[in-house]
Amino acid sequence: MNILFNLYVILILRILHIAGGILWVGTATFYLFLLVPAARASEISGQKFMQNLGPRMGPFMGIVTTVTVLSGALLYVRFFSDGISFIWKTGAGLAFTVGAIAALASYVIGSTVFGKTQEKISALDAAMAAAGGPLKPEQAAEMNRLQTFLMKAYRLDFVLLVVAMLAMAVARYL
């Protein structure tokens, strides 16, 4: 574990963690507040754009979030050299822990809820394309339910990411 105390390893881990966090929060913000509303307003062309973006966005964000979580976990593990009590004995330990829990919750939501829900939406889109017309009423209701659920998940994810970002930004000063 001494390697985790090497200055160069710490610098690399911090760069990976902070750059990944910037990409993660920035992408979530752009996606929720700009991209999704623009795609919805563009109706059919927006749906086609999102269908093309999804297969590219998922793997990219999977890599970004995984690198961010792993580098953060390695940075966090360094604190255990003095025992686990740093979590509740220091403000920094508590803030890093709150940030880590929020980020891990976001990671779980992103890796489970987003992908599966988007696959279901894509299947309904494919059914519509195969039928050559609009969705049946029950399919349209299911599409609306899935899209509403996905937007709620995006909002929850955004809140978790803001909590993680703020907790980690101030932790060193507590």
C-alpha atoms as a PDB file:
ATOM      1  CA  MET A   1       0.000   0.000   0.000  1.00  0.00           C
ATOM      2  CA  ASN A   2       3.012   2.317   0.153  1.00  0.00           C
ATOM      3  CA  ILE A   3       2.565   2.993  -3.554  1.00  0.00           C
ATOM      4  CA  LEU A   4      -0.603   4.957  -2.701  1.00  0.00           C
ATOM      5  CA  PHE A   5       1.578   7.431  -0.801  1.00  0.00           C
ATOM      6  CA  ASN A   6       3.951   8.036  -3.732  1.00  0.00           C
ATOM      7  CA  LEU A   7       3.614  11.669  -4.834  1.00  0.00           C
ATOM      8  CA  TYR A   8       3.414  10.814  -8.531  1.00  0.00           C
ATOM      9  CA  VAL A   9       0.782   8.124  -7.978  1.00  0.00           C
ATOM     10  CA  ILE A  10      -1.263  10.557  -5.880  1.00  0.00           C
ATOM     11  CA  LEU A  11      -0.994  13.231  -8.589  1.00  0.00           C
ATOM     12  CA  ILE A  12      -2.079  10.791 -11.321  1.00  0.00           C
ATOM     13  CA  LEU A  13      -4.994   9.537  -9.221  1.00  0.00           C
ATOM     14  CA  ARG A  14      -6.100  13.089  -8.394  1.00  0.00           C
ATOM     15  CA  ILE A  15      -5.907  14.153 -12.042  1.00  0.00           C
ATOM     16  CA  LEU A  16      -7.930  11.111 -13.131  1.00  0.00           C
ATOM     17  CA  HIS A  17     -10.452  11.625 -10.337  1.00  0.00           C
ATOM     18  CA  ILE A  18     -10.925  15.369 -10.766  1.00  0.00           C
ATOM     19  CA  ALA A  19     -10.927  15.319 -14.584  1.00  0.00           C
ATOM     20  CA  GLY A  20     -13.350  12.388 -14.532  1.00  0.00           C
ATOM     21  CA  GLY A  21     -15.567  14.180 -12.035  1.00  0.00           C
ATOM     22  CA  ILE A  22     -15.616  17.291 -14.209  1.00  0.00           C
ATOM     23  CA  LEU A  23     -16.608  15.241 -17.262  1.00  0.00           C
ATOM     24  CA  TRP A  24     -19.203  13.293 -15.271  1.00  0.00           C
ATOM     25  CA  VAL A  25     -20.932  16.297 -13.679  1.00  0.00           C
ATOM     26  CA  GLY A  26     -20.549  18.443 -16.788  1.00  0.00           C
ATOM     27  CA  THR A  27     -22.017  15.785 -19.057  1.00  0.00           C
ATOM     28  CA  ALA A  28     -24.910  15.125 -16.672  1.00  0.00           C
ATOM     29  CA  THR A  29     -25.663  18.849 -16.493  1.00  0.00           C
ATOM     30  CA  PHE A  30     -25.469  19.315 -20.271  1.00  0.00           C
ATOM     31  CA  TYR A  31     -27.561  16.205 -20.883  1.00  0.00           C
ATOM     32  CA  LEU A  32     -30.319  17.011 -18.367  1.00  0.00           C
ATOM     33  CA  PHE A  33     -30.708  20.740 -18.937  1.00  0.00           C
ATOM     34  CA  LEU A  34     -29.825  21.211 -22.616  1.00  0.00           C
ATOM     35  CA  LEU A  35     -29.644  18.054 -24.707  1.00  0.00           C
ATOM     36  CA  VAL A  36     -32.750  16.163 -23.558  1.00  0.00           C
ATOM     37  CA  PRO A  37     -35.051  19.218 -23.709  1.00  0.00           C
ATOM     38  CA  ALA A  38     -33.724  20.109 -27.189  1.00  0.00           C
ATOM     39  CA  ALA A  39     -34.218  16.538 -28.397  1.00  0.00           C
ATOM     40  CA  ARG A  40     -37.755  16.461 -27.023  1.00  0.00           C
ATOM     41  CA  ALA A  41     -38.579  19.756 -28.700  1.00  0.00           C
ATOM     42  CA  SER A  42     -37.214  18.420 -31.998  1.00  0.00           C
ATOM     43  CA  GLU A  43     -39.600  15.450 -31.836  1.00  0.00           C
ATOM     44  CA  ILE A  44     -38.786  12.818 -34.522  1.00  0.00           C
ATOM     45  CA  SER A  45     -35.404  14.260 -35.487  1.00  0.00           C
ATOM     46  CA  GLY A  46     -34.511  14.603 -31.813  1.00  0.00           C
ATOM     47  CA  GLN A  47     -35.455  10.971 -31.207  1.00  0.00           C
ATOM     48  CA  LYS A  48     -33.242   9.861 -34.095  1.00  0.00           C
ATOM     49  CA  PHE A  49     -30.375  11.946 -32.760  1.00  0.00           C
ATOM     50  CA  MET A  50     -30.745  10.432 -29.296  1.00  0.00           C
ATOM     51  CA  GLN A  51     -30.887   6.928 -30.810  1.00  0.00           C
ATOM     52  CA  ASN A  52     -27.549   7.610 -32.512  1.00  0.00           C
ATOM     53  CA  LEU A  53     -26.031   9.246 -29.448  1.00  0.00           C
ATOM     54  CA  GLY A  54     -27.002   6.523 -26.961  1.00  0.00           C
ATOM     55  CA  PRO A  55     -24.700   3.756 -28.233  1.00  0.00           C
ATOM     56  CA  ARG A  56     -21.772   6.208 -28.138  1.00  0.00           C
ATOM     57  CA  MET A  57     -22.643   7.971 -24.894  1.00  0.00           C
ATOM     58  CA  GLY A  58     -23.177   4.847 -22.773  1.00  0.00           C
ATOM     59  CA  PRO A  59     -19.719   3.289 -23.241  1.00  0.00           C
ATOM     60  CA  PHE A  60     -17.967   6.667 -23.010  1.00  0.00           C
ATOM     61  CA  MET A  61     -19.674   7.554 -19.734  1.00  0.00           C
ATOM     62  CA  GLY A  62     -19.110   4.005 -18.493  1.00  0.00           C
ATOM     63  CA  ILE A  63     -15.368   4.481 -18.903  1.00  0.00           C
ATOM     64  CA  VAL A  64     -15.360   8.002 -17.437  1.00  0.00           C
ATOM     65  CA  THR A  65     -17.428   7.066 -14.391  1.00  0.00           C
ATOM     66  CA  THR A  66     -15.529   3.832 -13.725  1.00  0.00           C
ATOM     67  CA  VAL A  67     -12.139   5.579 -13.879  1.00  0.00           C
ATOM     68  CA  THR A  68     -13.477   8.321 -11.609  1.00  0.00           C
ATOM     69  CA  VAL A  69     -14.846   5.862  -9.051  1.00  0.00           C
ATOM     70  CA  LEU A  70     -11.741   3.643  -9.067  1.00  0.00           C
ATOM     71  CA  SER A  71      -9.297   6.542  -8.746  1.00  0.00           C
ATOM     72  CA  GLY A  72     -11.447   8.023  -5.984  1.00  0.00           C
ATOM     73  CA  ALA A  73     -11.548   4.687  -4.167  1.00  0.00           C
ATOM     74  CA  LEU A  74      -7.750   4.437  -4.285  1.00  0.00           C
ATOM     75  CA  LEU A  75      -7.402   7.985  -2.958  1.00  0.00           C
ATOM     76  CA  TYR A  76      -9.929   7.196  -0.219  1.00  0.00           C
ATOM     77  CA  VAL A  77      -8.112   4.000   0.812  1.00  0.00           C
ATOM     78  CA  ARG A  78      -5.049   6.056   1.705  1.00  0.00           C
ATOM     79  CA  PHE A  79      -6.940   7.418   4.702  1.00  0.00           C
ATOM     80  CA  PHE A  80      -7.263   3.939   6.202  1.00  0.00           C
ATOM     81  CA  SER A  81      -3.557   3.859   7.076  1.00  0.00           C
ATOM     82  CA  ASP A  82      -4.473   5.762  10.262  1.00  0.00           C
ATOM     83  CA  GLY A  83      -7.601   3.670  10.855  1.00  0.00           C
ATOM     84  CA  ILE A  84     -11.182   4.031   9.776  1.00  0.00           C
ATOM     85  CA  SER A  85     -12.018   6.517  12.537  1.00  0.00           C
ATOM     86  CA  PHE A  86     -11.020   9.421  10.267  1.00  0.00           C
ATOM     87  CA  ILE A  87     -14.533   9.138   8.806  1.00  0.00           C
ATOM     88  CA  TRP A  88     -16.281  10.328  11.958  1.00  0.00           C
ATOM     89  CA  LYS A  89     -13.424  12.101  13.747  1.00  0.00           C
ATOM     90  CA  THR A  90     -12.699  14.671  11.053  1.00  0.00           C
ATOM     91  CA  GLY A  91     -14.833  16.983   8.985  1.00  0.00           C
ATOM     92  CA  ALA A  92     -12.803  16.079   5.905  1.00  0.00           C
ATOM     93  CA  GLY A  93     -13.388  12.366   6.469  1.00  0.00           C
ATOM     94  CA  LEU A  94     -17.125  12.900   6.838  1.00  0.00           C
ATOM     95  CA  ALA A  95     -17.309  15.120   3.739  1.00  0.00           C
ATOM     96  CA  PHE A  96     -15.278  12.692   1.607  1.00  0.00           C
ATOM     97  CA  THR A  97     -17.495   9.841   2.811  1.00  0.00           C
ATOM     98  CA  VAL A  98     -20.728  11.701   2.020  1.00  0.00           C
ATOM     99  CA  GLY A  99     -19.321  12.606  -1.399  1.00  0.00           C
ATOM    100  CA  ALA A 100     -18.231   9.042  -2.045  1.00  0.00           C
ATOM    101  CA  ILE A 101     -21.630   7.613  -1.081  1.00  0.00           C
ATOM    102  CA  ALA A 102     -23.437  10.119  -3.330  1.00  0.00           C
ATOM    103  CA  ALA A 103     -21.087   9.389  -6.248  1.00  0.00           C
ATOM    104  CA  LEU A 104     -21.416   5.627  -5.790  1.00  0.00           C
ATOM    105  CA  ALA A 105     -25.218   5.940  -5.735  1.00  0.00           C
ATOM    106  CA  SER A 106     -25.037   7.933  -8.981  1.00  0.00           C
ATOM    107  CA  TYR A 107     -22.724   5.309 -10.463  1.00  0.00           C
ATOM    108  CA  VAL A 108     -25.170   2.522  -9.593  1.00  0.00           C
ATOM    109  CA  ILE A 109     -28.102   4.462 -11.064  1.00  0.00           C
ATOM    110  CA  GLY A 110     -26.135   5.171 -14.235  1.00  0.00           C
ATOM    111  CA  SER A 111     -24.941   1.617 -14.707  1.00  0.00           C
ATOM    112  CA  THR A 112     -28.287  -0.033 -13.987  1.00  0.00           C
ATOM    113  CA  VAL A 113     -31.295   2.238 -14.427  1.00  0.00           C
ATOM    114  CA  PHE A 114     -30.191   4.388 -17.372  1.00  0.00           C
ATOM    115  CA  GLY A 115     -29.050   1.581 -19.650  1.00  0.00           C
ATOM    116  CA  LYS A 116     -31.982  -0.742 -19.034  1.00  0.00           C
ATOM    117  CA  THR A 117     -34.578   1.989 -19.383  1.00  0.00           C
ATOM    118  CA  GLN A 118     -32.987   3.305 -22.560  1.00  0.00           C
ATOM    119  CA  GLU A 119     -32.950  -0.250 -23.983  1.00  0.00           C
ATOM    120  CA  LYS A 120     -36.700  -0.511 -23.359  1.00  0.00           C
ATOM    121  CA  ILE A 121     -37.263   2.854 -25.046  1.00  0.00           C
ATOM    122  CA  SER A 122     -35.145   1.735 -28.008  1.00  0.00           C
ATOM    123  CA  ALA A 123     -37.181  -1.479 -28.287  1.00  0.00           C
ATOM    124  CA  LEU A 124     -40.393   0.554 -28.448  1.00  0.00           C
ATOM    125  CA  ASP A 125     -38.807   2.821 -31.077  1.00  0.00           C
ATOM    126  CA  ALA A 126     -37.830  -0.268 -33.086  1.00  0.00           C
ATOM    127  CA  ALA A 127     -41.383  -1.614 -32.808  1.00  0.00           C
ATOM    128  CA  MET A 128     -42.692   1.680 -34.130  1.00  0.00           C
ATOM    129  CA  ALA A 129     -40.245   1.614 -37.039  1.00  0.00           C
ATOM    130  CA  ALA A 130     -41.113  -2.006 -37.846  1.00  0.00           C
ATOM    131  CA  ALA A 131     -44.846  -1.235 -37.801  1.00  0.00           C
ATOM    132  CA  GLY A 132     -44.275   1.713 -40.099  1.00  0.00           C
ATOM    133  CA  GLY A 133     -46.505   3.997 -38.120  1.00  0.00           C
ATOM    134  CA  PRO A 134     -47.216   5.478 -34.744  1.00  0.00           C
ATOM    135  CA  LEU A 135     -47.172   3.438 -31.564  1.00  0.00           C
ATOM    136  CA  LYS A 136     -50.308   1.687 -30.404  1.00  0.00           C
ATOM    137  CA  PRO A 137     -51.983   3.431 -27.446  1.00  0.00           C
ATOM    138  CA  GLU A 138     -50.580   0.937 -24.928  1.00  0.00           C
ATOM    139  CA  GLN A 139     -47.090   1.300 -26.452  1.00  0.00           C
ATOM    140  CA  ALA A 140     -47.373   5.093 -26.346  1.00  0.00           C
ATOM    141  CA  ALA A 141     -48.427   4.929 -22.690  1.00  0.00           C
ATOM    142  CA  GLU A 142     -45.450   2.673 -21.926  1.00  0.00           C
ATOM    143  CA  MET A 143     -43.100   5.027 -23.808  1.00  0.00           C
ATOM    144  CA  ASN A 144     -44.422   7.985 -21.826  1.00  0.00           C
ATOM    145  CA  ARG A 145     -44.015   6.061 -18.543  1.00  0.00           C
ATOM    146  CA  LEU A 146     -40.436   5.064 -19.405  1.00  0.00           C
ATOM    147  CA  GLN A 147     -39.452   8.579 -20.467  1.00  0.00           C
ATOM    148  CA  THR A 148     -40.982  10.094 -17.328  1.00  0.00           C
ATOM    149  CA  PHE A 149     -39.178   7.533 -15.157  1.00  0.00           C
ATOM    150  CA  LEU A 150     -35.898   8.224 -16.965  1.00  0.00           C
ATOM    151  CA  MET A 151     -36.230  11.990 -16.429  1.00  0.00           C
ATOM    152  CA  LYS A 152     -36.833  11.422 -12.707  1.00  0.00           C
ATOM    153  CA  ALA A 153     -33.743   9.202 -12.600  1.00  0.00           C
ATOM    154  CA  TYR A 154     -31.709  11.898 -14.427  1.00  0.00           C
ATOM    155  CA  ARG A 155     -32.829  14.494 -11.874  1.00  0.00           C
ATOM    156  CA  LEU A 156     -31.979  12.252  -8.918  1.00  0.00           C
ATOM    157  CA  ASP A 157     -28.616  11.468 -10.492  1.00  0.00           C
ATOM    158  CA  PHE A 158     -27.935  15.171 -10.947  1.00  0.00           C
ATOM    159  CA  VAL A 159     -28.720  15.894  -7.275  1.00  0.00           C
ATOM    160  CA  LEU A 160     -26.415  13.064  -6.167  1.00  0.00           C
ATOM    161  CA  LEU A 161     -23.621  14.380  -8.386  1.00  0.00           C
ATOM    162  CA  VAL A 162     -24.009  17.919  -7.017  1.00  0.00           C
ATOM    163  CA  VAL A 163     -23.846  16.563  -3.457  1.00  0.00           C
ATOM    164  CA  ALA A 164     -20.718  14.555  -4.349  1.00  0.00           C
ATOM    165  CA  MET A 165     -19.100  17.529  -6.075  1.00  0.00           C
ATOM    166  CA  LEU A 166     -19.805  19.977  -3.255  1.00  0.00           C
ATOM    167  CA  ALA A 167     -18.776  17.557  -0.495  1.00  0.00           C
ATOM    168  CA  MET A 168     -15.480  16.767  -2.180  1.00  0.00           C
ATOM    169  CA  ALA A 169     -14.798  20.386  -3.105  1.00  0.00           C
ATOM    170  CA  VAL A 170     -14.990  21.550   0.499  1.00  0.00           C
ATOM    171  CA  ALA A 171     -13.718  18.443   2.325  1.00  0.00           C
ATOM    172  CA  ARG A 172     -10.097  19.540   2.542  1.00  0.00           C
ATOM    173  CA  TYR A 173     -11.126  22.714   4.381  1.00  0.00           C
ATOM    174  CA  LEU A 174     -13.275  21.095   7.085  1.00  0.00           C
END
